[in-house]
Amino acid sequence: MGAQLCSEAKAEAPRVALRFHAEAKGAQVRLDARGCTAHRRATFHDGIVFSQRPVRPGERVVLRVLRQEGGWCGGLRVGFTRLDPARVSAPSLPPFVCPDLEQQSPTWAAVLPDGCALAGDVVSFWVDPRGRLFARVNAGRRLLLRKGVLTGAPLWAVMDVYGTTKAIELLDTTASRFPTPVPTVLSEEAVPGSEATPGEECVICFYHAANTCLVPCGHAHFCSYCAWRVLTDTAKCPVCRWQIEALAVEQGPPALLTGEDS
């Protein structure tokens, strides 16, 4: 493959924000100037990307799905690899992380279940000290994707912008214990305002201020955009599962939104 494995244990990597590795990427991948956004230009494959530094066991890799594309089957793949992307020859990368890269190197990845990585969703994934690969989508339950990840050497995050997943953005978890993405307009629905202060973040996106109350249960842990997505997707409160009848936006002029307002 033209790649070398990292066989020596390295000192713990500094706590710097995760970015996509600038050189080790699939043939169809284009990155933004900051290395935070990966976009697959064409086809449904050749979308492999890596983190620019190793990820410690238990450390969350957090990303947002920015865009989807119809006409394909399957979507985002996530996992970890012992391949040091600094030593990977980009033209040697295979078209798929599963099963191609897994067969060629110590790599462990999995596809997220259908419907779990839609545009606007925040996906976090990590490997625990026992070698189990977990993921969580928004405020949902923890998903066990696979077992058997070898954790005795440095691991880099690997993602495959595959199939219906067209673009993803790595979110910065270093400024606080919450990710702090650059806000991106994901649909024509109303998008919430400014970045929240620590302790006031929406529990779904972890970025915008929690300014919206669900009616009638009264839970108010969500920004207006995420609350609107929950209302239109499931109409059930993520905290108590009570049926949502309306949204009360606390910030700005009083507003009461229902599913019929769309």
C-alpha atoms as a PDB file:
ATOM      1  CA  MET A   1       0.000   0.000   0.000  1.00  0.00           C
ATOM      2  CA  GLY A   2       2.928   2.315   0.340  1.00  0.00           C
ATOM      3  CA  ALA A   3       1.980   2.800   4.005  1.00  0.00           C
ATOM      4  CA  GLN A   4       3.922   2.013   7.141  1.00  0.00           C
ATOM      5  CA  LEU A   5       2.423   0.954  10.419  1.00  0.00           C
ATOM      6  CA  CYS A   6       3.236   2.801  13.608  1.00  0.00           C
ATOM      7  CA  SER A   7       4.646   0.059  15.819  1.00  0.00           C
ATOM      8  CA  GLU A   8       6.171   2.072  18.626  1.00  0.00           C
ATOM      9  CA  ALA A   9       4.128   3.536  21.451  1.00  0.00           C
ATOM     10  CA  LYS A  10       4.304   7.305  21.359  1.00  0.00           C
ATOM     11  CA  ALA A  11       3.993   9.854  24.090  1.00  0.00           C
ATOM     12  CA  GLU A  12       0.437  10.985  24.688  1.00  0.00           C
ATOM     13  CA  ALA A  13      -0.620  13.385  21.964  1.00  0.00           C
ATOM     14  CA  PRO A  14      -1.269  16.968  23.010  1.00  0.00           C
ATOM     15  CA  ARG A  15      -4.890  17.903  23.484  1.00  0.00           C
ATOM     16  CA  VAL A  16      -5.314  19.741  20.198  1.00  0.00           C
ATOM     17  CA  ALA A  17      -8.428  19.889  18.083  1.00  0.00           C
ATOM     18  CA  LEU A  18      -8.949  17.028  15.674  1.00  0.00           C
ATOM     19  CA  ARG A  19      -8.682  17.885  12.005  1.00  0.00           C
ATOM     20  CA  PHE A  20      -8.664  15.815   8.858  1.00  0.00           C
ATOM     21  CA  HIS A  21      -5.190  14.845   7.697  1.00  0.00           C
ATOM     22  CA  ALA A  22      -4.375  17.162   4.807  1.00  0.00           C
ATOM     23  CA  GLU A  23      -2.671  14.616   2.540  1.00  0.00           C
ATOM     24  CA  ALA A  24      -4.010  11.147   3.374  1.00  0.00           C
ATOM     25  CA  LYS A  25      -7.450  11.219   1.790  1.00  0.00           C
ATOM     26  CA  GLY A  26      -9.466   9.471  -0.876  1.00  0.00           C
ATOM     27  CA  ALA A  27      -9.247  10.554  -4.481  1.00  0.00           C
ATOM     28  CA  GLN A  28     -12.694  12.201  -4.420  1.00  0.00           C
ATOM     29  CA  VAL A  29     -12.239  14.071  -1.108  1.00  0.00           C
ATOM     30  CA  ARG A  30     -11.817  17.815  -0.914  1.00  0.00           C
ATOM     31  CA  LEU A  31     -11.078  19.509   2.421  1.00  0.00           C
ATOM     32  CA  ASP A  32     -11.737  23.087   3.468  1.00  0.00           C
ATOM     33  CA  ALA A  33      -8.851  25.399   4.357  1.00  0.00           C
ATOM     34  CA  ARG A  34      -9.109  24.581   8.081  1.00  0.00           C
ATOM     35  CA  GLY A  35      -9.164  20.830   7.533  1.00  0.00           C
ATOM     36  CA  CYS A  36     -12.520  20.568   9.319  1.00  0.00           C
ATOM     37  CA  THR A  37     -14.855  19.720   6.438  1.00  0.00           C
ATOM     38  CA  ALA A  38     -14.524  16.773   4.059  1.00  0.00           C
ATOM     39  CA  HIS A  39     -16.632  16.720   0.904  1.00  0.00           C
ATOM     40  CA  ARG A  40     -16.845  13.847  -1.584  1.00  0.00           C
ATOM     41  CA  ARG A  41     -17.057  15.285  -5.068  1.00  0.00           C
ATOM     42  CA  ALA A  42     -18.360  12.386  -7.176  1.00  0.00           C
ATOM     43  CA  THR A  43     -19.165   8.660  -7.235  1.00  0.00           C
ATOM     44  CA  PHE A  44     -20.103   6.887  -3.993  1.00  0.00           C
ATOM     45  CA  HIS A  45     -16.590   5.817  -2.944  1.00  0.00           C
ATOM     46  CA  ASP A  46     -12.986   7.078  -2.637  1.00  0.00           C
ATOM     47  CA  GLY A  47     -14.041   9.092   0.419  1.00  0.00           C
ATOM     48  CA  ILE A  48     -11.604   7.826   3.103  1.00  0.00           C
ATOM     49  CA  VAL A  49     -10.254  10.454   5.528  1.00  0.00           C
ATOM     50  CA  PHE A  50      -8.125  10.259   8.695  1.00  0.00           C
ATOM     51  CA  SER A  51      -7.600  12.358  11.812  1.00  0.00           C
ATOM     52  CA  GLN A  52      -4.357  14.303  11.795  1.00  0.00           C
ATOM     53  CA  ARG A  53      -3.286  12.958  15.205  1.00  0.00           C
ATOM     54  CA  PRO A  54      -3.806   9.779  17.233  1.00  0.00           C
ATOM     55  CA  VAL A  55      -6.963   9.461  19.309  1.00  0.00           C
ATOM     56  CA  ARG A  56      -6.739   8.135  22.852  1.00  0.00           C
ATOM     57  CA  PRO A  57      -8.975   5.296  24.097  1.00  0.00           C
ATOM     58  CA  GLY A  58     -12.162   6.868  25.399  1.00  0.00           C
ATOM     59  CA  GLU A  59     -11.646  10.138  23.517  1.00  0.00           C
ATOM     60  CA  ARG A  60     -14.711  11.102  21.482  1.00  0.00           C
ATOM     61  CA  VAL A  61     -14.424  11.905  17.810  1.00  0.00           C
ATOM     62  CA  VAL A  62     -17.362  14.204  17.091  1.00  0.00           C
ATOM     63  CA  LEU A  63     -18.600  15.131  13.646  1.00  0.00           C
ATOM     64  CA  ARG A  64     -21.657  16.591  11.994  1.00  0.00           C
ATOM     65  CA  VAL A  65     -23.190  15.249   8.791  1.00  0.00           C
ATOM     66  CA  LEU A  66     -23.464  18.299   6.562  1.00  0.00           C
ATOM     67  CA  ARG A  67     -24.925  16.920   3.372  1.00  0.00           C
ATOM     68  CA  GLN A  68     -26.492  13.791   1.922  1.00  0.00           C
ATOM     69  CA  GLU A  69     -26.977  12.581  -1.628  1.00  0.00           C
ATOM     70  CA  GLY A  70     -29.704  10.278  -2.870  1.00  0.00           C
ATOM     71  CA  GLY A  71     -29.358   7.433  -5.301  1.00  0.00           C
ATOM     72  CA  TRP A  72     -26.879   5.346  -3.299  1.00  0.00           C
ATOM     73  CA  CYS A  73     -27.120   2.568  -0.728  1.00  0.00           C
ATOM     74  CA  GLY A  74     -25.303   2.803   2.611  1.00  0.00           C
ATOM     75  CA  GLY A  75     -23.679   5.771   4.264  1.00  0.00           C
ATOM     76  CA  LEU A  76     -21.043   6.976   6.695  1.00  0.00           C
ATOM     77  CA  ARG A  77     -18.446   4.527   8.041  1.00  0.00           C
ATOM     78  CA  VAL A  78     -16.397   5.295  11.155  1.00  0.00           C
ATOM     79  CA  GLY A  79     -13.610   3.559  13.053  1.00  0.00           C
ATOM     80  CA  PHE A  80      -9.941   3.477  13.989  1.00  0.00           C
ATOM     81  CA  THR A  81      -6.690   2.372  12.387  1.00  0.00           C
ATOM     82  CA  ARG A  82      -3.048   1.810  13.274  1.00  0.00           C
ATOM     83  CA  LEU A  83      -2.023   3.321   9.949  1.00  0.00           C
ATOM     84  CA  ASP A  84      -0.122   6.556  10.508  1.00  0.00           C
ATOM     85  CA  PRO A  85      -1.666   8.851   7.851  1.00  0.00           C
ATOM     86  CA  ALA A  86       1.589  10.814   7.662  1.00  0.00           C
ATOM     87  CA  ARG A  87       3.101   7.675   6.121  1.00  0.00           C
ATOM     88  CA  VAL A  88       0.207   6.804   3.835  1.00  0.00           C
ATOM     89  CA  SER A  89       0.525   7.296   0.097  1.00  0.00           C
ATOM     90  CA  ALA A  90      -2.827   8.802  -0.873  1.00  0.00           C
ATOM     91  CA  PRO A  91      -2.940   7.188  -4.364  1.00  0.00           C
ATOM     92  CA  SER A  92      -2.584   3.786  -2.674  1.00  0.00           C
ATOM     93  CA  LEU A  93      -5.759   4.168  -0.617  1.00  0.00           C
ATOM     94  CA  PRO A  94      -8.498   1.720  -1.615  1.00  0.00           C
ATOM     95  CA  PRO A  95     -11.986   2.952  -2.547  1.00  0.00           C
ATOM     96  CA  PHE A  96     -13.637   1.643   0.653  1.00  0.00           C
ATOM     97  CA  VAL A  97     -12.683   1.470   4.311  1.00  0.00           C
ATOM     98  CA  CYS A  98     -14.940  -1.613   4.677  1.00  0.00           C
ATOM     99  CA  PRO A  99     -13.733  -4.146   3.733  1.00  0.00           C
ATOM    100  CA  ASP A 100     -10.768  -2.966   1.629  1.00  0.00           C
ATOM    101  CA  LEU A 101      -8.726  -0.932   4.118  1.00  0.00           C
ATOM    102  CA  GLU A 102      -9.578  -3.418   6.878  1.00  0.00           C
ATOM    103  CA  GLN A 103      -8.144  -6.246   4.790  1.00  0.00           C
ATOM    104  CA  GLN A 104      -4.971  -4.333   3.983  1.00  0.00           C
ATOM    105  CA  SER A 105      -4.114  -2.962   7.414  1.00  0.00           C
ATOM    106  CA  PRO A 106      -4.951  -3.068  11.156  1.00  0.00           C
ATOM    107  CA  THR A 107      -8.188  -1.088  10.739  1.00  0.00           C
ATOM    108  CA  TRP A 108     -11.533  -1.531  12.489  1.00  0.00           C
ATOM    109  CA  ALA A 109     -14.551   0.312  11.100  1.00  0.00           C
ATOM    110  CA  ALA A 110     -18.303  -0.093  10.819  1.00  0.00           C
ATOM    111  CA  VAL A 111     -21.286   1.460   9.104  1.00  0.00           C
ATOM    112  CA  LEU A 112     -23.828   3.287  11.202  1.00  0.00           C
ATOM    113  CA  PRO A 113     -27.341   1.781  11.188  1.00  0.00           C
ATOM    114  CA  ASP A 114     -29.753   3.010   8.525  1.00  0.00           C
ATOM    115  CA  GLY A 115     -31.249   6.389   9.369  1.00  0.00           C
ATOM    116  CA  CYS A 116     -28.598   7.201  11.983  1.00  0.00           C
ATOM    117  CA  ALA A 117     -26.474   9.682  10.033  1.00  0.00           C
ATOM    118  CA  LEU A 118     -28.818  12.160   8.402  1.00  0.00           C
ATOM    119  CA  ALA A 119     -27.948  15.715   7.392  1.00  0.00           C
ATOM    120  CA  GLY A 120     -27.615  17.778  10.573  1.00  0.00           C
ATOM    121  CA  ASP A 121     -26.988  14.809  12.863  1.00  0.00           C
ATOM    122  CA  VAL A 122     -24.080  14.976  15.304  1.00  0.00           C
ATOM    123  CA  VAL A 123     -22.219  11.660  15.474  1.00  0.00           C
ATOM    124  CA  SER A 124     -19.661  10.822  18.145  1.00  0.00           C
ATOM    125  CA  PHE A 125     -17.611   7.634  18.154  1.00  0.00           C
ATOM    126  CA  TRP A 126     -14.875   6.212  20.338  1.00  0.00           C
ATOM    127  CA  VAL A 127     -13.056   3.037  21.334  1.00  0.00           C
ATOM    128  CA  ASP A 128     -12.951   1.989  24.979  1.00  0.00           C
ATOM    129  CA  PRO A 129      -9.937   0.340  26.707  1.00  0.00           C
ATOM    130  CA  ARG A 130     -11.508  -3.066  26.025  1.00  0.00           C
ATOM    131  CA  GLY A 131     -11.387  -2.499  22.282  1.00  0.00           C
ATOM    132  CA  ARG A 132     -15.088  -1.885  21.737  1.00  0.00           C
ATOM    133  CA  LEU A 133     -16.102   0.641  19.085  1.00  0.00           C
ATOM    134  CA  PHE A 134     -19.091   2.722  20.178  1.00  0.00           C
ATOM    135  CA  ALA A 135     -21.063   5.511  18.538  1.00  0.00           C
ATOM    136  CA  ARG A 136     -23.838   7.880  19.547  1.00  0.00           C
ATOM    137  CA  VAL A 137     -26.045   9.983  17.296  1.00  0.00           C
ATOM    138  CA  ASN A 138     -27.345  13.246  18.780  1.00  0.00           C
ATOM    139  CA  ALA A 139     -28.735  12.476  22.231  1.00  0.00           C
ATOM    140  CA  GLY A 140     -29.567   8.874  21.376  1.00  0.00           C
ATOM    141  CA  ARG A 141     -28.482   5.667  23.022  1.00  0.00           C
ATOM    142  CA  ARG A 142     -24.951   4.323  22.819  1.00  0.00           C
ATOM    143  CA  LEU A 143     -24.462   1.951  19.892  1.00  0.00           C
ATOM    144  CA  LEU A 144     -21.948  -0.909  19.984  1.00  0.00           C
ATOM    145  CA  LEU A 145     -20.624  -1.093  16.420  1.00  0.00           C
ATOM    146  CA  ARG A 146     -17.988  -3.799  16.827  1.00  0.00           C
ATOM    147  CA  LYS A 147     -15.446  -5.422  19.127  1.00  0.00           C
ATOM    148  CA  GLY A 148     -11.806  -6.454  18.854  1.00  0.00           C
ATOM    149  CA  VAL A 149     -10.064  -3.120  18.244  1.00  0.00           C
ATOM    150  CA  LEU A 150      -6.422  -3.493  19.332  1.00  0.00           C
ATOM    151  CA  THR A 151      -5.575  -0.594  21.612  1.00  0.00           C
ATOM    152  CA  GLY A 152      -1.929  -1.331  22.489  1.00  0.00           C
ATOM    153  CA  ALA A 153      -0.546   1.151  19.941  1.00  0.00           C
ATOM    154  CA  PRO A 154      -1.553   4.608  18.667  1.00  0.00           C
ATOM    155  CA  LEU A 155      -4.867   4.719  16.819  1.00  0.00           C
ATOM    156  CA  TRP A 156      -6.028   7.318  14.315  1.00  0.00           C
ATOM    157  CA  ALA A 157      -9.681   7.948  13.570  1.00  0.00           C
ATOM    158  CA  VAL A 158     -10.742   6.898  10.087  1.00  0.00           C
ATOM    159  CA  MET A 159     -13.972   7.884   8.360  1.00  0.00           C
ATOM    160  CA  ASP A 160     -15.429   6.996   4.980  1.00  0.00           C
ATOM    161  CA  VAL A 161     -17.618   9.664   3.357  1.00  0.00           C
ATOM    162  CA  TYR A 162     -19.483   6.934   1.555  1.00  0.00           C
ATOM    163  CA  GLY A 163     -22.716   6.465  -0.365  1.00  0.00           C
ATOM    164  CA  THR A 164     -25.509   8.749   0.790  1.00  0.00           C
ATOM    165  CA  THR A 165     -23.125  10.735   3.037  1.00  0.00           C
ATOM    166  CA  LYS A 166     -21.739  13.569   0.939  1.00  0.00           C
ATOM    167  CA  ALA A 167     -19.993  15.886   3.414  1.00  0.00           C
ATOM    168  CA  ILE A 168     -18.984  15.823   7.097  1.00  0.00           C
ATOM    169  CA  GLU A 169     -17.459  18.308   9.528  1.00  0.00           C
ATOM    170  CA  LEU A 170     -15.211  17.521  12.489  1.00  0.00           C
ATOM    171  CA  LEU A 171     -16.302  19.432  15.587  1.00  0.00           C
ATOM    172  CA  ASP A 172     -13.854  20.951  18.062  1.00  0.00           C
ATOM    173  CA  THR A 173     -14.111  19.369  21.524  1.00  0.00           C
ATOM    174  CA  THR A 174     -11.048  21.089  23.002  1.00  0.00           C
ATOM    175  CA  ALA A 175     -12.392  24.535  23.916  1.00  0.00           C
ATOM    176  CA  SER A 176     -14.636  22.987  26.554  1.00  0.00           C
ATOM    177  CA  ARG A 177     -16.140  19.601  27.251  1.00  0.00           C
ATOM    178  CA  PHE A 178     -18.604  20.264  24.452  1.00  0.00           C
ATOM    179  CA  PRO A 179     -17.886  20.366  20.700  1.00  0.00           C
ATOM    180  CA  THR A 180     -17.880  23.834  19.201  1.00  0.00           C
ATOM    181  CA  PRO A 181     -18.542  23.623  15.456  1.00  0.00           C
ATOM    182  CA  VAL A 182     -18.728  26.527  13.087  1.00  0.00           C
ATOM    183  CA  PRO A 183     -22.466  26.912  12.473  1.00  0.00           C
ATOM    184  CA  THR A 184     -23.599  25.651   9.073  1.00  0.00           C
ATOM    185  CA  VAL A 185     -26.982  26.166   7.403  1.00  0.00           C
ATOM    186  CA  LEU A 186     -28.302  22.668   6.786  1.00  0.00           C
ATOM    187  CA  SER A 187     -31.831  23.301   5.556  1.00  0.00           C
ATOM    188  CA  GLU A 188     -34.335  26.022   4.857  1.00  0.00           C
ATOM    189  CA  GLU A 189     -35.722  25.818   8.389  1.00  0.00           C
ATOM    190  CA  ALA A 190     -34.923  28.518  10.911  1.00  0.00           C
ATOM    191  CA  VAL A 191     -31.408  28.172  12.315  1.00  0.00           C
ATOM    192  CA  PRO A 192     -30.614  29.240  15.889  1.00  0.00           C
ATOM    193  CA  GLY A 193     -28.456  32.186  16.709  1.00  0.00           C
ATOM    194  CA  SER A 194     -25.111  32.621  18.383  1.00  0.00           C
ATOM    195  CA  GLU A 195     -22.786  30.198  20.143  1.00  0.00           C
ATOM    196  CA  ALA A 196     -23.861  29.302  23.658  1.00  0.00           C
ATOM    197  CA  THR A 197     -21.889  30.082  26.786  1.00  0.00           C
ATOM    198  CA  PRO A 198     -20.568  27.036  28.690  1.00  0.00           C
ATOM    199  CA  GLY A 199     -23.351  25.263  30.544  1.00  0.00           C
ATOM    200  CA  GLU A 200     -26.125  26.623  28.323  1.00  0.00           C
ATOM    201  CA  GLU A 201     -25.591  24.473  25.228  1.00  0.00           C
ATOM    202  CA  CYS A 202     -28.238  22.481  23.399  1.00  0.00           C
ATOM    203  CA  VAL A 203     -27.884  18.829  24.434  1.00  0.00           C
ATOM    204  CA  ILE A 204     -28.154  17.682  20.801  1.00  0.00           C
ATOM    205  CA  CYS A 205     -25.733  19.914  18.863  1.00  0.00           C
ATOM    206  CA  PHE A 206     -23.691  21.068  21.917  1.00  0.00           C
ATOM    207  CA  TYR A 207     -23.117  24.428  20.233  1.00  0.00           C
ATOM    208  CA  HIS A 208     -26.137  26.733  20.069  1.00  0.00           C
ATOM    209  CA  ALA A 209     -27.902  28.062  23.137  1.00  0.00           C
ATOM    210  CA  ALA A 210     -30.716  25.962  24.604  1.00  0.00           C
ATOM    211  CA  ASN A 211     -33.522  28.443  24.003  1.00  0.00           C
ATOM    212  CA  THR A 212     -36.536  26.297  23.160  1.00  0.00           C
ATOM    213  CA  CYS A 213     -39.059  24.592  25.409  1.00  0.00           C
ATOM    214  CA  LEU A 214     -40.994  21.501  24.340  1.00  0.00           C
ATOM    215  CA  VAL A 215     -44.738  21.662  24.930  1.00  0.00           C
ATOM    216  CA  PRO A 216     -46.332  20.148  26.989  1.00  0.00           C
ATOM    217  CA  CYS A 217     -43.514  18.288  28.811  1.00  0.00           C
ATOM    218  CA  GLY A 218     -41.544  21.487  29.473  1.00  0.00           C
ATOM    219  CA  HIS A 219     -38.029  20.207  28.776  1.00  0.00           C
ATOM    220  CA  ALA A 220     -35.903  23.114  27.577  1.00  0.00           C
ATOM    221  CA  HIS A 221     -32.502  21.633  26.763  1.00  0.00           C
ATOM    222  CA  PHE A 222     -32.568  22.317  23.022  1.00  0.00           C
ATOM    223  CA  CYS A 223     -31.839  25.048  20.497  1.00  0.00           C
ATOM    224  CA  SER A 224     -34.658  26.006  18.151  1.00  0.00           C
ATOM    225  CA  TYR A 225     -33.160  24.211  15.153  1.00  0.00           C
ATOM    226  CA  CYS A 226     -32.583  20.880  16.909  1.00  0.00           C
ATOM    227  CA  ALA A 227     -35.980  21.102  18.603  1.00  0.00           C
ATOM    228  CA  TRP A 228     -37.600  21.676  15.221  1.00  0.00           C
ATOM    229  CA  ARG A 229     -35.805  18.634  13.792  1.00  0.00           C
ATOM    230  CA  VAL A 230     -37.011  16.487  16.687  1.00  0.00           C
ATOM    231  CA  LEU A 231     -40.561  17.770  16.223  1.00  0.00           C
ATOM    232  CA  THR A 232     -40.599  17.007  12.505  1.00  0.00           C
ATOM    233  CA  ASP A 233     -38.701  13.699  12.771  1.00  0.00           C
ATOM    234  CA  THR A 234     -40.255  11.879  15.749  1.00  0.00           C
ATOM    235  CA  ALA A 235     -42.367  14.434  17.669  1.00  0.00           C
ATOM    236  CA  LYS A 236     -41.183  12.834  20.921  1.00  0.00           C
ATOM    237  CA  CYS A 237     -39.078  14.502  23.613  1.00  0.00           C
ATOM    238  CA  PRO A 238     -35.571  12.939  23.657  1.00  0.00           C
ATOM    239  CA  VAL A 239     -35.553  13.214  27.471  1.00  0.00           C
ATOM    240  CA  CYS A 240     -38.944  11.799  28.527  1.00  0.00           C
ATOM    241  CA  ARG A 241     -40.382  10.517  25.197  1.00  0.00           C
ATOM    242  CA  TRP A 242     -43.551  12.568  25.764  1.00  0.00           C
ATOM    243  CA  GLN A 243     -45.405  13.550  22.604  1.00  0.00           C
ATOM    244  CA  ILE A 244     -44.445  17.070  21.446  1.00  0.00           C
ATOM    245  CA  GLU A 245     -47.371  19.280  20.518  1.00  0.00           C
ATOM    246  CA  ALA A 246     -45.526  22.569  20.019  1.00  0.00           C
ATOM    247  CA  LEU A 247     -42.259  24.447  20.570  1.00  0.00           C
ATOM    248  CA  ALA A 248     -41.966  27.590  22.675  1.00  0.00           C
ATOM    249  CA  VAL A 249     -38.943  29.668  21.679  1.00  0.00           C
ATOM    250  CA  GLU A 250     -37.688  31.560  24.729  1.00  0.00           C
ATOM    251  CA  GLN A 251     -35.224  33.829  22.953  1.00  0.00           C
ATOM    252  CA  GLY A 252     -36.436  36.881  21.039  1.00  0.00           C
ATOM    253  CA  PRO A 253     -40.119  37.646  20.416  1.00  0.00           C
ATOM    254  CA  PRO A 254     -42.468  35.026  21.878  1.00  0.00           C
ATOM    255  CA  ALA A 255     -43.250  32.288  19.395  1.00  0.00           C
ATOM    256  CA  LEU A 256     -45.150  29.037  19.498  1.00  0.00           C
ATOM    257  CA  LEU A 257     -44.366  26.624  16.655  1.00  0.00           C
ATOM    258  CA  THR A 258     -46.250  23.459  15.832  1.00  0.00           C
ATOM    259  CA  GLY A 259     -45.697  20.804  13.206  1.00  0.00           C
ATOM    260  CA  GLU A 260     -48.420  22.437  11.106  1.00  0.00           C
ATOM    261  CA  ASP A 261     -46.330  25.602  10.752  1.00  0.00           C
ATOM    262  CA  SER A 262     -44.063  23.975   8.176  1.00  0.00           C
END
